Protein backbone atom coordinates (compact mmCIF):
# COMPACT_ATOMS: atom_id res chain seq x y z
CA LEU A 1 -41.63 -13.54 -3.27
CA TRP A 2 -38.68 -12.09 -5.13
CA ALA A 3 -35.22 -10.47 -3.73
CA ALA A 4 -32.91 -8.85 -5.66
CA ALA A 5 -28.98 -8.73 -4.08
CA LEU A 6 -27.76 -5.55 -5.95
CA ASN A 7 -23.70 -6.27 -5.20
CA THR A 8 -24.34 -10.03 -6.56
CA SER A 9 -27.45 -9.10 -9.01
CA ARG A 10 -28.58 -12.54 -8.17
CA LEU A 11 -32.00 -13.06 -7.77
CA PHE A 12 -34.05 -15.51 -5.37
CA ILE A 13 -37.38 -16.66 -5.54
CA PHE A 14 -39.38 -17.72 -1.91
CA ASP A 15 -42.44 -19.65 -1.80
CA VAL A 16 -44.19 -18.05 0.66
CA LYS A 17 -47.67 -19.83 0.11
CA THR A 18 -46.91 -23.15 1.24
CA ASP A 19 -45.76 -21.98 4.81
CA PRO A 20 -46.70 -17.92 4.72
CA MET A 21 -44.70 -18.23 8.26
CA ASN A 22 -41.68 -20.15 6.51
CA PRO A 23 -40.62 -18.62 3.40
CA ARG A 24 -38.78 -21.90 1.27
CA LEU A 25 -36.11 -20.79 -0.96
CA VAL A 26 -37.06 -22.70 -4.32
CA ARG A 27 -34.57 -20.73 -7.19
CA THR A 28 -31.99 -18.59 -7.50
CA ILE A 29 -30.95 -17.04 -10.18
CA ASP A 30 -27.07 -16.33 -10.65
CA ASN A 31 -26.14 -15.74 -14.39
CA VAL A 32 -28.63 -12.85 -14.57
CA PRO A 33 -25.85 -10.36 -15.80
CA GLN A 34 -25.51 -13.20 -18.58
CA ILE A 35 -28.64 -13.61 -19.43
CA SER A 36 -30.13 -10.33 -19.68
CA SER A 37 -27.02 -7.94 -20.48
CA LEU A 38 -28.23 -5.89 -17.17
CA SER A 39 -26.77 -5.73 -13.83
CA GLY A 40 -27.00 -3.84 -10.65
CA PRO A 41 -30.57 -5.08 -9.67
CA HIS A 42 -33.23 -3.15 -7.04
CA THR A 43 -36.86 -3.41 -7.24
CA PRO A 44 -38.69 -6.11 -8.49
CA TYR A 45 -42.39 -5.63 -9.60
CA ALA A 46 -44.83 -7.94 -10.36
CA ILE A 47 -47.40 -7.77 -12.92
CA PRO A 48 -49.92 -10.57 -13.80
CA GLY A 49 -47.81 -13.08 -15.05
CA ARG A 50 -44.48 -11.29 -15.08
CA MET A 51 -41.71 -10.09 -12.62
CA LEU A 52 -40.16 -6.29 -13.84
CA ILE A 53 -36.78 -5.25 -12.55
CA SER A 54 -35.25 -2.19 -12.42
CA MET A 55 -31.69 -2.87 -13.01
CA ALA A 56 -28.83 0.24 -12.67
CA SER A 57 -26.34 -0.55 -15.32
CA GLY A 58 -24.92 -3.12 -18.43
CA PRO A 59 -23.23 -6.58 -17.88
CA ASP A 60 -19.96 -5.28 -15.73
CA GLY A 61 -21.04 -2.96 -14.08
CA SER A 62 -21.17 0.36 -15.95
CA GLY A 63 -23.35 2.02 -18.56
CA PRO A 64 -26.86 2.93 -18.66
CA GLY A 65 -29.12 -0.09 -17.60
CA GLY A 66 -33.39 -1.24 -18.04
CA ILE A 67 -36.21 -3.46 -17.41
CA ALA A 68 -35.39 -7.08 -16.66
CA GLU A 69 -38.58 -9.19 -17.18
CA PHE A 70 -39.01 -12.39 -16.21
CA THR A 71 -42.02 -15.14 -15.47
CA ASN A 72 -43.09 -15.24 -12.59
CA ASP A 73 -41.13 -18.79 -12.15
CA GLY A 74 -37.72 -17.10 -12.88
CA GLU A 75 -37.62 -17.57 -16.72
CA PHE A 76 -36.04 -14.80 -18.57
CA VAL A 77 -38.11 -13.10 -20.62
CA ALA A 78 -36.51 -10.12 -22.25
CA SER A 79 -34.30 -7.02 -21.64
CA HIS A 80 -35.75 -3.13 -21.96
CA LYS A 81 -32.93 -1.15 -22.68
CA THR A 82 -32.78 2.52 -20.51
CA PRO A 83 -30.58 5.68 -21.04
CA ASN A 84 -29.94 6.21 -17.01
CA HIS A 85 -29.74 4.42 -14.16
CA PRO A 86 -32.98 2.52 -12.92
CA TYR A 87 -33.62 2.45 -9.40
CA GLU A 88 -37.78 2.02 -8.89
CA THR A 89 -40.64 0.68 -11.20
CA VAL A 90 -43.90 2.30 -10.40
CA ILE A 91 -47.45 1.28 -12.43
CA LYS A 92 -50.69 2.54 -13.19
CA PRO A 93 -52.64 0.56 -14.90
CA GLU A 94 -55.53 2.65 -15.61
CA PHE A 95 -53.61 4.86 -17.80
CA ASN A 96 -50.99 1.65 -19.23
CA ARG A 97 -47.90 3.88 -17.58
CA MET A 98 -45.05 2.84 -15.73
CA ILE A 99 -43.10 5.28 -14.67
CA THR A 100 -38.92 3.94 -13.25
CA SER A 101 -36.72 6.45 -11.39
CA SER A 102 -33.24 6.64 -11.83
CA TRP A 103 -29.57 7.14 -9.52
CA VAL A 104 -25.90 5.41 -10.09
CA SER A 105 -24.60 2.16 -12.20
CA GLN A 106 -23.25 -0.40 -9.83
CA LYS A 107 -19.76 0.18 -10.06
CA THR A 108 -20.68 3.20 -8.61
CA PHE A 109 -23.22 2.13 -5.50
CA MET A 110 -20.25 -0.59 -4.91
CA SER A 111 -17.70 2.45 -4.18
CA PRO A 112 -17.05 4.19 -1.05
CA LEU A 113 -19.83 7.41 -1.08
CA ASP A 114 -16.60 9.86 -1.43
CA LYS A 115 -15.40 8.42 -4.63
CA TRP A 116 -19.27 8.58 -6.52
CA ASP A 117 -18.81 11.35 -9.38
CA PRO A 118 -21.83 13.32 -9.96
CA LYS A 119 -21.27 13.46 -13.54
CA GLY A 120 -21.91 9.97 -13.39
CA PHE A 121 -25.52 10.52 -11.55
CA SER A 122 -28.63 10.35 -13.20
CA ASN A 123 -30.83 12.72 -13.19
CA THR A 124 -34.24 11.70 -14.71
CA LEU A 125 -37.63 9.42 -14.45
CA LEU A 126 -38.75 7.39 -17.39
CA VAL A 127 -42.47 7.14 -18.24
CA TRP A 128 -43.20 4.58 -19.94
CA ASP A 129 -45.79 2.89 -22.49
CA LEU A 130 -46.38 -0.52 -20.21
CA LYS A 131 -48.08 -3.05 -22.15
CA ALA A 132 -45.67 -2.23 -25.59
CA ARG A 133 -42.79 -2.21 -22.91
CA LYS A 134 -41.47 1.48 -24.59
CA ILE A 135 -40.20 4.81 -23.08
CA VAL A 136 -43.05 7.61 -24.36
CA GLN A 137 -40.89 10.43 -22.42
CA GLU A 138 -37.72 11.36 -20.19
CA LEU A 139 -38.96 13.89 -17.69
CA LYS A 140 -35.62 15.62 -16.62
CA GLY A 141 -35.15 17.29 -12.82
CA ASP A 142 -32.73 17.36 -9.32
CA PRO A 143 -30.04 14.37 -9.54
CA ILE A 144 -30.55 10.28 -8.51
CA PRO A 145 -34.16 10.59 -8.44
CA LEU A 146 -34.56 7.81 -5.63
CA ALA A 147 -38.01 7.09 -4.52
CA ALA A 148 -40.78 7.61 -6.97
CA ARG A 149 -44.54 7.16 -5.67
CA TRP A 150 -47.82 7.37 -7.61
CA ALA A 151 -50.36 8.38 -5.82
CA LEU A 152 -52.75 5.55 -3.92
CA LYS A 153 -56.50 6.60 -5.59
CA PRO A 154 -57.67 5.18 -8.78
CA ASN A 155 -57.15 7.33 -11.63
CA ALA A 156 -54.80 9.62 -9.94
CA GLY A 157 -52.51 11.30 -11.89
CA TYR A 158 -49.69 11.95 -9.85
CA GLY A 159 -47.16 11.31 -7.69
CA TYR A 160 -43.75 12.27 -6.14
CA SER A 161 -39.93 11.59 -6.08
CA ILE A 162 -37.30 12.57 -4.08
CA ASN A 163 -34.27 13.29 -5.74
CA ASN A 164 -31.44 12.68 -3.57
CA ALA A 165 -28.41 14.74 -4.72
CA GLY A 166 -30.99 17.46 -5.15
CA ASN A 167 -31.71 17.69 -1.65
CA SER A 168 -35.84 17.43 -2.88
CA ILE A 169 -39.49 16.85 -3.81
CA TRP A 170 -40.76 16.96 -7.39
CA MET A 171 -43.86 16.00 -8.77
CA PHE A 172 -44.52 14.03 -12.34
CA LYS A 173 -48.14 14.81 -13.32
CA ARG A 174 -50.27 13.16 -16.12
CA GLN A 175 -51.78 15.96 -18.54
CA PRO A 176 -55.18 16.23 -20.08
CA ASN A 177 -53.07 15.12 -23.71
CA GLY A 178 -51.41 11.89 -21.51
CA SER A 179 -48.38 13.13 -21.77
CA PHE A 180 -46.62 14.27 -18.19
CA THR A 181 -44.84 17.31 -16.58
CA TYR A 182 -41.90 17.28 -13.98
CA LYS A 183 -41.51 20.16 -11.68
CA LYS A 184 -39.79 20.84 -7.86
CA ALA A 185 -42.14 20.84 -5.01
CA ALA A 186 -39.53 21.12 -2.33
CA ASP A 187 -36.44 22.22 -1.46
CA LEU A 188 -35.26 20.06 1.38
CA SER A 189 -33.61 21.17 4.59
CA LYS A 190 -29.61 21.68 3.89
CA GLY A 191 -28.27 18.25 4.67
CA CYS A 192 -31.11 16.01 4.49
CA VAL A 193 -30.30 13.92 1.60
CA PRO A 194 -33.42 12.00 1.65
CA GLY A 195 -33.54 8.36 1.31
CA ASP A 196 -36.59 7.08 0.93
CA LEU A 197 -40.63 8.45 0.32
CA ARG A 198 -43.89 6.99 1.63
CA GLN A 199 -47.20 8.54 1.40
CA SER A 200 -50.13 8.00 3.43
CA PRO A 201 -52.99 5.36 1.97
CA ASP A 202 -55.59 8.52 1.59
CA ASP A 203 -52.62 10.21 -0.48
């Protein structure tokens, strides 16, 4: 089990196999910005043999971030830079596609909310070739598309994001040619400011 610390950029790895009711901390990775050139980890996402972690910023907490890749044991593999501030990672292996949402830099989210500058808000989802770890498409919408979720059924080619600063819900959808569209699906009540997204198991 991996846990990420947004403020300190540290990563914590727990053994939950030996005694599931008593997780045991087996490794702390303290120097993540130094080894990955990225900071502000939000979402660890497990794939076979690897952990992919969305990182909001560069090593000093400002500028664009990326995806940091580690082995299951915590050995650094690679950094995959992005033009935005990654927040969350979702994957559909049947399409060899990964989508990352985005938000703000580490320095921004560590500052008081009234100090946040809208000019620094990311407004994009990135579509990746999962195996190649390459960005293949940038989808632009309302700012701060925090949570993103694929529909859960196998081969479902669509999903949703909540766009926090846009007070809206957007849909991303795979087209027959493999590219993705990204369109607003709903405006929310004034002042709602959505913070997370869940869907039922049957979509």
